[in-house]
Every structure is written in C-alpha cells, then in structure tokens.
Protein backbone atom coordinates (compact mmCIF):
# COMPACT_ATOMS: atom_id res chain seq x y z
CA MET A 1 0.00 0.00 0.00
CA ARG A 2 2.81 2.35 1.03
CA SER A 3 4.88 1.57 -2.08
CA GLY A 4 1.83 2.23 -4.28
CA PHE A 5 1.35 5.62 -2.67
CA VAL A 6 5.00 6.47 -3.27
CA VAL A 7 4.78 5.49 -6.94
CA VAL A 8 1.63 7.56 -7.43
CA SER A 9 3.23 10.52 -5.64
CA PHE A 10 6.29 10.38 -7.86
CA ALA A 11 4.11 10.08 -10.98
CA LEU A 12 2.00 13.10 -10.03
CA ILE A 13 5.05 15.22 -9.23
CA ALA A 14 6.80 14.22 -12.46
CA PHE A 15 3.69 14.88 -14.54
CA ARG A 16 3.21 18.27 -12.92
CA LEU A 17 6.87 19.15 -13.51
CA ILE A 18 6.83 18.13 -17.17
CA THR A 19 3.54 19.81 -18.07
CA ALA A 20 3.97 22.96 -16.03
CA THR A 21 7.52 23.77 -17.18
CA LYS A 22 6.43 24.09 -20.79
CA GLU A 23 7.23 27.70 -21.49
CA VAL A 24 4.25 30.01 -21.81
CA PRO A 25 4.54 32.65 -24.56
CA PHE A 26 5.34 36.13 -23.24
CA ALA A 27 5.03 37.79 -26.66
CA TYR A 28 3.61 37.14 -30.13
CA SER A 29 4.19 38.25 -33.69
CA ILE A 30 1.94 38.05 -36.75
CA VAL A 31 3.51 37.98 -40.21
CA PHE A 32 1.65 38.09 -43.53
CA ASP A 33 3.46 36.65 -46.54
CA ALA A 34 1.68 38.21 -49.53
CA GLY A 35 2.85 36.03 -52.43
CA SER A 36 1.85 35.86 -56.08
CA SER A 37 -0.66 33.01 -55.65
CA GLY A 38 -2.11 33.96 -52.28
CA THR A 39 -1.52 35.52 -48.87
CA ARG A 40 -0.45 33.42 -45.88
CA VAL A 41 -0.51 34.49 -42.23
CA HIS A 42 1.87 33.10 -39.61
CA VAL A 43 1.44 33.50 -35.85
CA TYR A 44 4.66 33.13 -33.85
CA ASP A 45 4.92 32.60 -30.08
CA PHE A 46 8.02 33.96 -28.34
CA VAL A 47 8.96 31.92 -25.28
CA GLY A 48 12.34 33.37 -24.28
CA THR A 49 15.81 34.05 -25.65
CA ILE A 50 18.71 31.74 -26.45
CA LEU A 51 21.96 33.67 -26.01
CA SER A 52 21.54 36.30 -28.70
CA VAL A 53 18.25 35.69 -30.54
CA PRO A 54 14.61 35.36 -29.43
CA GLN A 55 13.25 31.86 -29.05
CA ILE A 56 10.19 31.03 -31.13
CA ASP A 57 8.10 27.95 -30.46
CA VAL A 58 8.67 26.74 -34.03
CA GLU A 59 6.78 23.48 -33.52
CA LYS A 60 3.67 25.36 -32.49
CA SER A 61 4.04 27.87 -35.32
CA GLN A 62 3.74 25.08 -37.88
CA ALA A 63 0.07 24.74 -36.92
CA GLN A 64 -0.64 28.47 -36.66
CA THR A 65 -0.67 29.38 -40.34
CA LYS A 66 -3.31 29.78 -43.02
CA LYS A 67 -3.39 30.82 -46.69
CA VAL A 68 -6.13 32.48 -48.68
CA LYS A 69 -6.37 33.03 -52.44
CA PRO A 70 -6.03 34.99 -54.64
CA GLY A 71 -2.87 37.02 -54.03
CA LEU A 72 -2.90 40.78 -53.56
CA SER A 73 -1.56 41.25 -57.09
CA HIS A 74 -4.88 39.86 -58.37
CA PHE A 75 -6.72 42.84 -56.86
CA ALA A 76 -4.14 45.27 -58.20
CA LEU A 77 -4.66 43.90 -61.72
CA ASN A 78 -8.39 43.11 -61.70
CA SER A 79 -10.18 45.38 -59.21
CA SER A 80 -11.16 48.95 -60.00
CA PRO A 81 -9.59 51.72 -57.90
CA ILE A 82 -12.85 51.95 -55.93
CA GLU A 83 -13.07 48.17 -55.40
CA ILE A 84 -9.47 47.61 -54.31
CA GLU A 85 -9.90 48.82 -50.72
CA ASN A 86 -12.91 46.61 -50.01
CA ASP A 87 -11.50 43.56 -51.86
CA VAL A 88 -8.18 43.76 -50.01
CA LYS A 89 -9.91 44.31 -46.65
CA LEU A 90 -12.08 41.20 -47.09
CA ASN A 91 -9.00 39.17 -48.03
CA ILE A 92 -6.90 40.33 -45.07
CA ASP A 93 -9.75 40.26 -42.53
CA LYS A 94 -10.17 36.50 -43.04
CA LEU A 95 -6.59 35.97 -41.93
CA LEU A 96 -6.81 38.46 -39.06
CA THR A 97 -9.82 36.59 -37.69
CA TYR A 98 -7.84 33.36 -37.91
CA ALA A 99 -4.77 34.88 -36.20
CA LYS A 100 -6.73 36.34 -33.28
CA GLN A 101 -7.62 32.91 -31.94
CA PHE A 102 -3.94 32.28 -31.12
CA VAL A 103 -3.18 35.58 -29.37
CA PRO A 104 -4.84 36.41 -26.02
CA GLU A 105 -6.95 39.54 -26.41
CA HIS A 106 -5.06 41.40 -23.67
CA LYS A 107 -1.91 40.94 -25.78
CA TRP A 108 -3.29 42.31 -29.05
CA ALA A 109 -2.19 45.92 -28.50
CA GLU A 110 1.45 44.86 -27.99
CA THR A 111 1.56 42.19 -30.73
CA PRO A 112 3.10 43.49 -33.96
CA VAL A 113 1.42 42.67 -37.25
CA ILE A 114 3.62 42.80 -40.37
CA LEU A 115 2.80 42.32 -44.05
CA LYS A 116 5.43 41.93 -46.75
CA ALA A 117 4.41 41.46 -50.38
CA THR A 118 6.82 39.65 -52.68
CA ALA A 119 7.37 39.26 -56.43
CA GLY A 120 3.69 39.10 -57.45
CA LEU A 121 2.89 42.62 -56.27
CA ARG A 122 6.42 43.80 -57.00
CA ALA A 123 5.79 43.22 -60.71
CA VAL A 124 2.62 45.36 -60.73
CA ALA A 125 2.65 49.00 -61.91
CA LEU A 126 3.31 51.56 -59.18
CA GLU A 127 -0.15 53.15 -58.97
CA PRO A 128 -2.26 50.00 -58.39
CA ARG A 129 0.51 48.61 -56.20
CA HIS A 130 0.31 51.67 -53.94
CA ARG A 131 -3.48 51.42 -53.78
CA VAL A 132 -3.24 47.83 -52.56
CA ILE A 133 -0.62 48.64 -49.92
CA HIS A 134 -2.66 51.63 -48.75
CA ALA A 135 -5.70 49.33 -48.36
CA VAL A 136 -3.60 46.85 -46.38
CA GLN A 137 -2.32 49.59 -44.08
CA SER A 138 -5.85 50.87 -43.48
CA THR A 139 -7.05 47.35 -42.62
CA LEU A 140 -4.17 46.57 -40.26
CA ARG A 141 -4.46 49.92 -38.47
CA GLY A 142 -7.96 48.89 -37.43
CA SER A 143 -7.03 45.33 -36.50
CA GLY A 144 -6.44 45.95 -32.80
CA PHE A 145 -2.83 44.77 -33.11
CA LEU A 146 0.31 46.90 -32.86
CA PHE A 147 0.95 48.34 -36.33
CA LYS A 148 2.97 50.99 -38.13
CA ASP A 149 2.43 51.89 -41.77
CA GLU A 150 6.01 50.97 -42.66
CA TRP A 151 5.34 47.41 -41.50
CA ALA A 152 3.17 46.81 -44.60
CA SER A 153 5.12 47.13 -47.83
CA VAL A 154 6.37 45.47 -50.98
CA ILE A 155 9.51 43.79 -49.74
CA PRO A 156 12.69 44.71 -51.63
CA GLY A 157 14.48 41.75 -53.17
CA VAL A 158 17.52 42.23 -50.94
CA GLU A 159 15.31 42.02 -47.83
CA GLU A 160 13.48 38.91 -49.05
CA GLY A 161 16.79 37.15 -49.65
CA GLY A 162 18.25 38.43 -46.39
CA LEU A 163 15.29 37.22 -44.33
CA ALA A 164 15.53 33.77 -45.95
CA TRP A 165 19.16 33.65 -44.79
CA VAL A 166 18.17 34.73 -41.26
CA THR A 167 15.50 32.01 -41.16
CA ALA A 168 17.80 29.20 -42.30
CA ASN A 169 20.58 30.09 -39.90
CA TYR A 170 18.20 30.81 -37.02
CA LEU A 171 16.61 27.38 -37.39
CA SER A 172 19.98 25.62 -37.76
CA GLY A 173 21.24 27.19 -34.52
CA ALA A 174 24.09 29.07 -36.21
CA LEU A 175 22.82 32.38 -34.80
CA ASN A 176 22.34 31.25 -31.21
CA SER A 177 25.45 29.25 -30.42
CA ARG A 178 28.39 30.22 -28.24
CA ASP A 179 30.60 28.39 -30.72
CA GLU A 180 31.45 29.69 -34.17
CA ILE A 181 29.20 27.66 -36.47
CA ALA A 182 29.51 28.06 -40.22
CA THR A 183 26.43 29.68 -41.69
CA THR A 184 24.50 28.37 -44.68
CA GLY A 185 23.60 30.17 -47.90
CA VAL A 186 20.10 29.92 -49.38
CA VAL A 187 18.77 29.54 -52.92
CA GLU A 188 15.02 30.09 -52.73
CA MET A 189 12.96 29.70 -55.90
CA GLY A 190 9.42 31.01 -55.79
CA GLY A 191 6.93 31.52 -58.57
CA GLY A 192 7.94 35.05 -59.55
CA SER A 193 11.54 35.37 -58.41
CA THR A 194 14.55 33.47 -57.13
CA GLN A 195 16.62 34.70 -54.16
CA ILE A 196 20.24 33.91 -53.42
CA SER A 197 21.81 34.90 -50.11
CA PHE A 198 25.00 34.03 -48.26
CA ALA A 199 27.30 35.53 -45.64
CA LEU A 200 30.45 37.36 -46.64
CA GLU A 201 32.97 37.07 -43.82
CA ASP A 202 35.42 39.41 -45.56
CA ARG A 203 34.18 42.91 -44.79
CA MET A 204 36.16 44.36 -47.69
CA LYS A 205 34.27 42.11 -50.12
CA PHE A 206 30.99 43.15 -48.57
CA GLU A 207 31.77 46.85 -48.90
CA LYS A 208 32.54 46.40 -52.61
CA LEU A 209 29.00 45.15 -53.23
CA SER A 210 26.28 47.41 -54.58
CA PRO A 211 24.08 48.72 -51.75
CA LYS A 212 21.24 47.03 -53.66
CA VAL A 213 22.52 43.63 -52.53
CA GLN A 214 23.85 44.41 -49.04
CA TYR A 215 21.82 43.03 -46.14
CA HIS A 216 23.00 43.65 -42.58
CA PHE A 217 21.74 41.62 -39.63
CA GLU A 218 22.58 42.17 -35.96
CA ASP A 219 21.52 39.93 -33.10
CA LEU A 220 20.37 41.09 -29.64
CA ASN A 221 24.00 41.52 -28.58
CA GLY A 222 24.83 43.65 -31.60
CA HIS A 223 26.91 40.94 -33.28
CA PRO A 224 26.90 41.74 -37.02
CA HIS A 225 26.38 39.49 -40.04
CA ASN A 226 27.06 40.88 -43.50
CA ILE A 227 24.88 39.16 -46.07
CA TYR A 228 24.88 39.24 -49.85
CA ALA A 229 21.25 38.96 -50.97
CA LEU A 230 19.81 39.36 -54.45
CA SER A 231 16.37 38.62 -55.84
CA TYR A 232 16.25 37.75 -59.52
CA ILE A 233 12.96 39.32 -60.51
CA GLY A 234 11.14 37.38 -63.23
CA PHE A 235 13.30 34.31 -62.71
CA GLY A 236 10.92 32.43 -60.44
CA GLN A 237 9.74 29.11 -61.86
CA ASP A 238 6.25 30.20 -63.00
CA TYR A 239 7.35 33.49 -64.56
CA ALA A 240 10.28 31.82 -66.32
CA GLN A 241 8.08 29.06 -67.76
CA GLU A 242 5.66 31.63 -69.14
CA ALA A 243 8.52 33.72 -70.55
CA LEU A 244 10.03 30.73 -72.35
CA LYS A 245 6.63 29.72 -73.68
CA LEU A 246 6.18 33.17 -75.22
CA GLU A 247 9.61 32.97 -76.84
CA VAL A 248 8.95 29.50 -78.29
CA ASP A 249 5.47 30.46 -79.49
CA ALA A 250 6.77 33.56 -81.24
CA THR A 251 9.36 31.44 -83.04
CA ALA A 252 6.73 28.87 -84.02
CA ILE A 253 4.38 31.55 -85.41
CA ALA A 254 7.18 33.17 -87.40
CA ALA A 255 8.29 29.83 -88.77
CA ALA A 256 4.75 28.85 -89.75
CA GLU A 257 4.33 32.11 -91.65
CA GLU A 258 7.38 31.24 -93.70
CA GLY A 259 6.28 27.66 -94.25
CA LEU A 260 8.97 26.23 -91.98
CA ASP A 261 8.55 23.46 -89.45
CA ALA A 262 9.43 24.81 -86.02
CA THR A 263 6.41 23.95 -83.91
CA THR A 264 7.97 21.93 -81.11
CA ASP A 265 8.83 22.70 -77.50
CA PRO A 266 11.49 20.44 -75.94
CA CYS A 267 10.57 21.60 -72.41
CA TYR A 268 7.19 19.86 -72.50
CA PRO A 269 6.68 16.07 -72.42
CA ILE A 270 5.77 13.94 -75.41
CA GLY A 271 2.00 14.05 -76.02
CA TYR A 272 1.64 17.66 -74.89
CA GLN A 273 0.04 20.16 -77.31
CA ARG A 274 -1.01 23.81 -77.26
CA ASN A 275 -2.55 25.96 -79.98
CA VAL A 276 -1.18 29.42 -80.69
CA GLU A 277 -2.79 31.47 -83.46
CA ALA A 278 -3.71 28.38 -85.50
CA VAL A 279 -0.25 26.89 -84.92
CA THR A 280 0.02 23.70 -82.89
CA VAL A 281 3.09 23.50 -80.66
CA GLU A 282 3.95 19.96 -79.58
CA GLY A 283 6.12 18.81 -76.71
CA THR A 284 9.11 16.66 -77.58
CA GLY A 285 10.40 15.98 -74.06
CA GLN A 286 14.07 16.55 -74.87
CA PHE A 287 15.81 17.43 -71.62
CA GLU A 288 19.17 18.52 -73.03
CA ASN A 289 17.55 20.54 -75.82
CA CYS A 290 15.36 22.20 -73.22
CA ARG A 291 18.39 23.24 -71.22
CA SER A 292 20.04 24.56 -74.38
CA ILE A 293 17.16 26.88 -75.31
CA LEU A 294 16.86 28.03 -71.72
CA ARG A 295 20.48 29.15 -71.76
CA ARG A 296 20.01 30.84 -75.11
CA LEU A 297 16.63 32.52 -74.62
CA LEU A 298 16.37 33.33 -70.93
CA PHE A 299 19.90 33.62 -69.60
CA ASN A 300 21.33 36.37 -71.75
CA PRO A 301 22.10 40.06 -71.21
CA ASP A 302 18.84 41.24 -72.80
CA PRO A 303 16.49 42.23 -69.96
CA ARG A 304 13.06 40.65 -70.30
CA ASP A 305 11.50 41.94 -67.11
CA LEU A 306 11.33 45.31 -65.42
CA GLU A 307 10.98 46.46 -61.83
CA ASP A 308 10.21 50.15 -61.42
CA HIS A 309 11.57 50.72 -64.93
CA HIS A 310 14.96 49.22 -64.10
CA PRO A 311 16.21 46.22 -66.13
CA ALA A 312 16.15 42.92 -64.25
CA ILE A 313 19.46 41.30 -63.33
CA VAL A 314 20.03 38.13 -65.34
CA PRO A 315 21.44 35.23 -63.26
CA GLY A 316 25.05 34.53 -64.11
CA VAL A 317 25.50 37.43 -66.50
CA GLN A 318 28.37 39.25 -64.84
CA GLN A 319 27.92 42.95 -65.27
CA THR A 320 30.12 45.87 -64.44
CA THR A 321 29.38 47.77 -61.27
CA ILE A 322 25.74 48.78 -60.90
CA ASN A 323 24.44 51.24 -58.33
CA GLY A 324 27.96 51.75 -57.07
CA GLY A 325 29.15 48.18 -56.63
CA ILE A 326 29.25 44.51 -57.61
CA MET A 327 25.86 42.83 -58.10
CA GLN A 328 26.84 39.17 -58.50
CA PRO A 329 29.95 38.02 -56.60
CA ALA A 330 31.22 34.44 -56.60
CA LEU A 331 29.36 32.19 -54.14
CA GLU A 332 30.90 31.30 -50.79
CA GLY A 333 30.19 28.41 -48.44
CA SER A 334 27.53 25.70 -48.43
CA PHE A 335 23.93 26.16 -49.56
CA ILE A 336 20.43 24.81 -49.24
CA ALA A 337 17.84 24.99 -52.05
CA THR A 338 14.24 25.39 -51.00
CA GLU A 339 10.70 26.22 -52.15
CA ASN A 340 10.23 24.95 -55.74
CA PHE A 341 13.43 22.93 -55.66
CA PHE A 342 11.75 20.88 -52.95
CA TYR A 343 8.12 21.02 -54.10
CA ILE A 344 8.80 19.76 -57.63
CA ARG A 345 10.75 16.75 -56.40
CA ASN A 346 8.46 16.01 -53.50
CA ASP A 347 5.49 15.84 -55.91
CA ILE A 348 7.00 12.96 -57.85
CA LEU A 349 8.59 11.01 -54.98
CA PRO A 350 8.61 8.09 -54.60
CA GLU A 351 6.01 7.00 -57.17
CA ILE A 352 7.79 8.35 -60.26
CA ALA A 353 11.34 9.12 -59.16
CA PRO A 354 13.57 7.55 -56.48
CA LEU A 355 14.33 9.33 -53.22
CA SER A 356 17.83 10.03 -54.54
CA ALA A 357 16.21 12.56 -56.90
CA MET A 358 16.53 15.14 -54.11
CA ASP A 359 20.24 15.22 -54.98
CA LEU A 360 21.21 18.18 -57.18
CA SER A 361 24.44 16.70 -58.55
CA GLU A 362 24.67 16.83 -62.35
CA ASP A 363 24.36 13.09 -63.03
CA VAL A 364 21.28 12.69 -60.78
CA VAL A 365 19.60 15.79 -62.25
CA THR A 366 20.27 14.65 -65.84
CA LYS A 367 18.80 11.21 -65.15
CA LEU A 368 15.75 12.70 -63.42
CA GLY A 369 15.23 15.27 -66.18
CA GLN A 370 15.36 12.69 -68.93
CA GLN A 371 12.85 10.57 -67.03
CA VAL A 372 10.24 13.29 -66.37
CA CYS A 373 10.56 14.67 -69.90
CA THR A 374 9.85 11.34 -71.59
CA GLU A 375 7.45 9.73 -69.12
CA VAL A 376 3.74 10.38 -69.46
CA MET A 377 2.45 11.49 -66.03
CA GLU A 378 -1.16 11.61 -65.00
CA SER A 379 -2.78 14.25 -62.82
CA SER A 380 -3.23 13.23 -59.19
CA SER A 381 -3.70 14.71 -55.74
CA LYS A 382 0.04 15.46 -55.70
CA ILE A 383 0.53 16.28 -59.38
CA GLU A 384 -1.80 19.08 -60.43
CA ASP A 385 -0.04 19.90 -63.71
CA PRO A 386 1.96 17.00 -65.20
CA ASN A 387 3.34 19.28 -67.91
CA LYS A 388 5.49 21.51 -65.69
CA TYR A 389 8.04 19.00 -64.41
CA CYS A 390 10.19 18.66 -67.54
CA PHE A 391 10.64 22.43 -67.68
CA ALA A 392 11.09 22.78 -63.92
CA ILE A 393 13.93 20.27 -63.57
CA ALA A 394 15.71 21.72 -66.61
CA TYR A 395 15.22 25.34 -65.54
CA GLN A 396 16.37 24.79 -61.97
CA SER A 397 19.55 23.04 -63.12
CA VAL A 398 20.40 25.81 -65.60
CA LEU A 399 19.83 28.56 -63.05
CA LEU A 400 22.14 26.85 -60.53
CA GLU A 401 24.72 26.39 -63.27
CA GLN A 402 24.53 30.05 -64.28
CA VAL A 403 24.99 31.44 -60.76
CA GLY A 404 27.79 29.00 -59.89
CA ALA A 405 25.87 26.84 -57.40
CA VAL A 406 27.71 23.72 -58.57
CA GLY A 407 30.60 21.63 -57.31
CA GLU A 408 31.36 22.48 -53.69
CA HIS A 409 28.50 24.97 -53.72
CA THR A 410 25.88 22.47 -54.93
CA PRO A 411 22.89 23.03 -52.62
CA THR A 412 21.12 20.46 -50.49
CA VAL A 413 17.39 20.32 -51.25
CA THR A 414 15.21 20.81 -48.18
CA ARG A 415 11.99 22.36 -46.99
CA THR A 416 12.65 22.18 -43.25
CA ILE A 417 15.49 22.64 -40.79
CA ASN A 418 15.15 20.95 -37.42
CA GLY A 419 11.49 20.26 -38.16
CA ALA A 420 10.48 23.83 -39.08
CA ASP A 421 9.74 25.25 -42.54
CA VAL A 422 12.44 27.43 -44.05
CA ASP A 423 10.16 30.40 -44.59
CA TRP A 424 11.41 33.99 -44.69
CA ALA A 425 8.46 34.93 -42.45
CA VAL A 426 10.34 33.40 -39.49
CA GLY A 427 13.23 35.74 -40.21
CA ALA A 428 10.82 38.68 -40.47
CA ALA A 429 9.45 37.92 -36.99
CA VAL A 430 12.94 37.53 -35.52
CA VAL A 431 14.27 40.74 -37.08
CA ASN A 432 11.20 42.75 -36.05
CA TYR A 433 11.54 41.49 -32.48
CA ILE A 434 15.22 42.41 -32.34
CA GLU A 435 14.65 45.84 -33.83
CA ARG A 436 11.96 46.58 -31.25
CA ASN A 437 13.67 44.92 -28.34
CA ARG A 438 17.41 45.39 -28.82
CA ALA A 439 19.20 44.76 -25.55
CA SER A 440 21.77 42.49 -24.05
CA ALA A 441 20.54 38.88 -23.97
CA SER A 442 22.81 38.10 -21.01
CA GLY A 443 20.69 37.19 -18.04
CA ASN A 444 17.68 36.76 -20.31
CA LYS A 445 16.83 40.42 -19.94
CA LEU A 446 13.98 40.88 -22.34
CA LEU A 447 12.48 44.11 -23.58
CA ARG A 448 9.00 45.06 -24.66
CA TYR A 449 8.00 47.76 -27.11
CA ASP A 450 6.42 50.90 -25.64
CA GLN A 451 3.69 52.17 -27.98
CA ASN A 452 3.74 55.63 -26.41
CA THR A 453 7.47 56.39 -26.62
CA GLY A 454 8.49 54.08 -29.46
CA LEU A 455 11.31 52.83 -27.21
CA GLY A 456 12.04 49.56 -25.52
CA GLN A 457 11.20 49.15 -21.88
CA ASP A 458 12.72 46.65 -19.49
CA LYS A 459 10.05 44.03 -18.89
CA THR A 460 11.65 41.01 -17.22
CA GLN A 461 8.60 40.26 -15.11
CA ASN A 462 7.07 37.52 -17.26
CA PHE A 463 10.33 35.70 -17.75
CA GLN A 464 11.22 35.97 -14.09
CA SER A 465 7.83 34.67 -13.03
CA SER A 466 8.27 31.77 -15.44
CA SER A 467 11.71 31.05 -13.98
CA SER A 468 10.50 31.30 -10.39
CA PHE A 469 7.62 29.00 -11.26
CA LYS A 470 10.11 26.40 -12.37
CA LEU A 471 12.03 26.86 -9.12
CA ASP A 472 8.75 26.30 -7.25
CA LEU A 473 8.28 23.05 -9.12
CA ILE A 474 11.79 21.92 -8.29
CA GLY A 475 11.00 22.73 -4.70
CA MET A 476 7.85 20.60 -4.97
CA LEU A 477 9.95 17.71 -6.20
CA ILE A 478 12.37 18.04 -3.28
CA VAL A 479 9.49 18.18 -0.81
CA GLY A 480 7.93 15.17 -2.48
CA LEU A 481 11.13 13.20 -2.11
CA ALA A 482 11.34 14.18 1.56
CA VAL A 483 7.74 13.03 2.15
CA CYS A 484 8.42 9.72 0.44
CA ALA A 485 11.56 9.21 2.54
CA PHE A 486 9.60 10.00 5.70
CA LEU A 487 6.93 7.45 4.82
CA TYR A 488 9.59 4.78 4.52
CA VAL A 489 11.62 5.71 7.59
CA LYS A 490 8.72 6.17 10.08
CA PRO A 491 7.49 2.53 9.96
CA LEU A 492 11.06 1.29 10.36
CA ARG A 493 11.52 3.40 13.52
CA ALA A 494 8.24 2.14 14.96
CA LYS A 495 9.37 -1.42 14.40
CA ASP A 496 12.69 -0.75 16.14
CA ASP A 497 10.90 0.81 19.13
CA CYS A 498 8.97 -2.39 19.60
C-alpha cells in the first residue's frame, strides 16, 4: 500500500513538472506573406531568448498558419480603384480573424502585425501597387494589433533574400550558439523570383557590393552578419516558364508564316500540345535541348522583365558595377535549395522518381530530367499539372549552373530545418523582435516595445515569473522526495521501538 502511494506521488510530481515547465509565450508576432498566388498568415509565439536571438516555439508555429487566395496582385490587376480597398480588406480580414484565436486579447495591443508582399505585387505597376498597400495599411491599423504603416510594404528583393538567410541560420542554430558555427547560404525559388543569399565574412568584399545587394543583420548583442542577398525578378519558376513559352510560341508563329517546321517545344513532355494562333506546338520531351534553349533565350544580357523601370538582373551574366558596386559576386560556403526545388521533387517522390532525386548533382539531375521529360504522367492529388516537371527540372539546373551553385556549392534540397519550414516569415518575426527589443541577452533580460514612446522598456517580469515558477516546481519535487523518505523511515523506527 505504502509503495503504491509512493509510486503515485512520484508520478503526479513528475507529470506536474513536465507539463507545467512548458514555457508560456510572453510575446507574439503576426507575419503576412503576400505572395503571387495567395496571402499566408503566420502566428509566432516567443517563449524566451537563447543567447543572442529570441526563441520562437517553431513546432507550435507550424500549426498556426493559413493561406487564402487569390494574391494581392490579383486585386491590383483586376479590381477597380474603388473596389481595391474593399476587396483587399475582405481578403486580409479573413486571416486576421484566424490569427486572433492564437493571441490572447489582452496581448493584441502589444503584438506586432507585419505584411510583406513579394514578387507578385512587385511586378505590378506603381499606382495600383500603392493602392493595394494603402488598403492593407488601413485594414491593419484597425485590427487591434500593434501596427505601423512601414510594417506593410512590398519587400525589396535584398530584404526577401536576407530574411531567408536569417531564417535558415536561425533554425539551424548558427545564430544562437556560443561556438562559431559556419552559416549556410540559401537559394530560394518562388513563382515570380529566385533569391540567393549568403554571408560574406570578408568585410572588404561586402563593402565592394552594390548597396542594392547588401543586407546587414545584428543579433540582440549587436553581433553583425554581413549578407549578400539578391532577388532575380522574373526568374521564379512560374514566370520563367511563361517567358520561355512566349519565346517559343513567337518562333513557331514566325516559322509557320514562312512555311517552316518549327512547332515543337522540348521543355514539354511527349504528347503535350497547345494551340497558338492556328499553330500547334507539340512537346518533344528533350531534356538537353530544353536546357540549351533556356540558356540561349532566358539567360542572356537582354532584360526581359522590369521592376520600377529598371532592367532585371540576369542570373550569371556578370555585369560591371551597378548602383555603385558589384551585383553578382562568386558564391561562398555551403547552400540549401528550397521552395520549388523541394516542391517539384516532392510531388513525384517516390512514385515516379527515387528518393535520390533530391540530390542536385549533375548526373542525378540529368537522369531525373530525362525521365520526367519522356514519361507520361497523370494528374493526381500530388501532381496538379503533369506538364510543368520537364521544364522545372531543366530550368532549376540551368539557373544553378549560371549562378555558380555547382561543385562544392551544390545546394542540399530541403523544406525544413530541425522540423520547421524554411520560410522567410520566421526571419521577419525575428528581425522585427530584435529591432523593437534590442538589448543584451545576457541574463535573459527581455524588452517590450512601448507604444507611447516608441522605445524599448525593461520588462523582465514575465520571464522571471516563469523562472520562479520552475524553481517552485523543483521545490515541490524536493518536498515530495522528503515526504516519500519519511513514509519509509517512520514505519522502520516504529518497528525498532517495539
């Protein structure tokens, strides 16, 4: 009977210790990722600091995210000036309602809400783009959350690439270790653009870069990281596929007018057809030919996309200094490749391609490309468009080749690091927290943002109460052990007295 009581006592104490020491969020952050296909909201819980960066409950954040369609660029292109404000508000309000369920109401006024629009809205003309951003700002100002107009904007390419780097190295632990851990570069391919970012340890090299590609990150202790970050506008997978299609179609139409036979597209699988002005273009599924026309038609010095009337930078085309410095330096260090590099391969694994297809080495990519270009694939729950894979594998390999992400710099394909998605929104939450709460992380001295002064205020109370609570639990355990010992010793003494 006594031993059963002891076991139960230990079990209750252990259970209480395990469940109660789970850190309770002391702050929150809401980040909107306004992409070309839709807008996604992320809610992040801050539970402390690790050395020099805030600690996010990344496991919990994986379940606190939602996406709605269409993207904000849809309203910029299709809604009238009068309709834009209401259409954008309805779109954003859905996600605000979703986010509010994860943030206690008494925390709303001190929880920052941030929206950053990427390549989709970046490619829209200035006037409708500004109308959309103005509508977003108006909506977020009335959300009840902490908001400043500058927290809703079209994200510059250098910031998008820089935040992807922050995310990858935050999740890997490279930013919160006492030891010097080598950081990792990132190649992130979206639908409208592709970002490349990596750290430059040599400050002289960093200072020679154009300001357009310089991203500077400092942790809570003020330790600096100098990052090269460039977004290749128009070189995301979807935009590039459409651009190549237009080039091939124009060639086919011109050839047909002259009675020539040039109505094939090697970047589409055998059996594929599309009609263009009474000309039928057929897919031939020729992987190497596809790569050849990609190099010739897309990766050349002729700009084919504009951002604010400035020519787009073509990957791998080394140009003289632009905007006062180098735009495309040689890569340094190791890299990961994420977003479409992962999605395309994940769609066809393991049913169509082996798991080794995640490897980006030349021989594996060539074998995979030849397979997807010649094999007839059917639509399924995983494969929405069977016709994009031949182009995608070819395009991704050529882009990596052009920027020098080969050999020792060949990236590792991944979507997660330590179980969390490599999403620039994580970096946005971390950077916003640090900017609002810059202070020494020694002693876990955390700051909160003061809405009235715009300055940080020392608010260690929540963390201290959390720490003292843990000490209370440890005390409970000690007391429990003492009680258990007493229960054993008392009967023994009674027996000796007899």
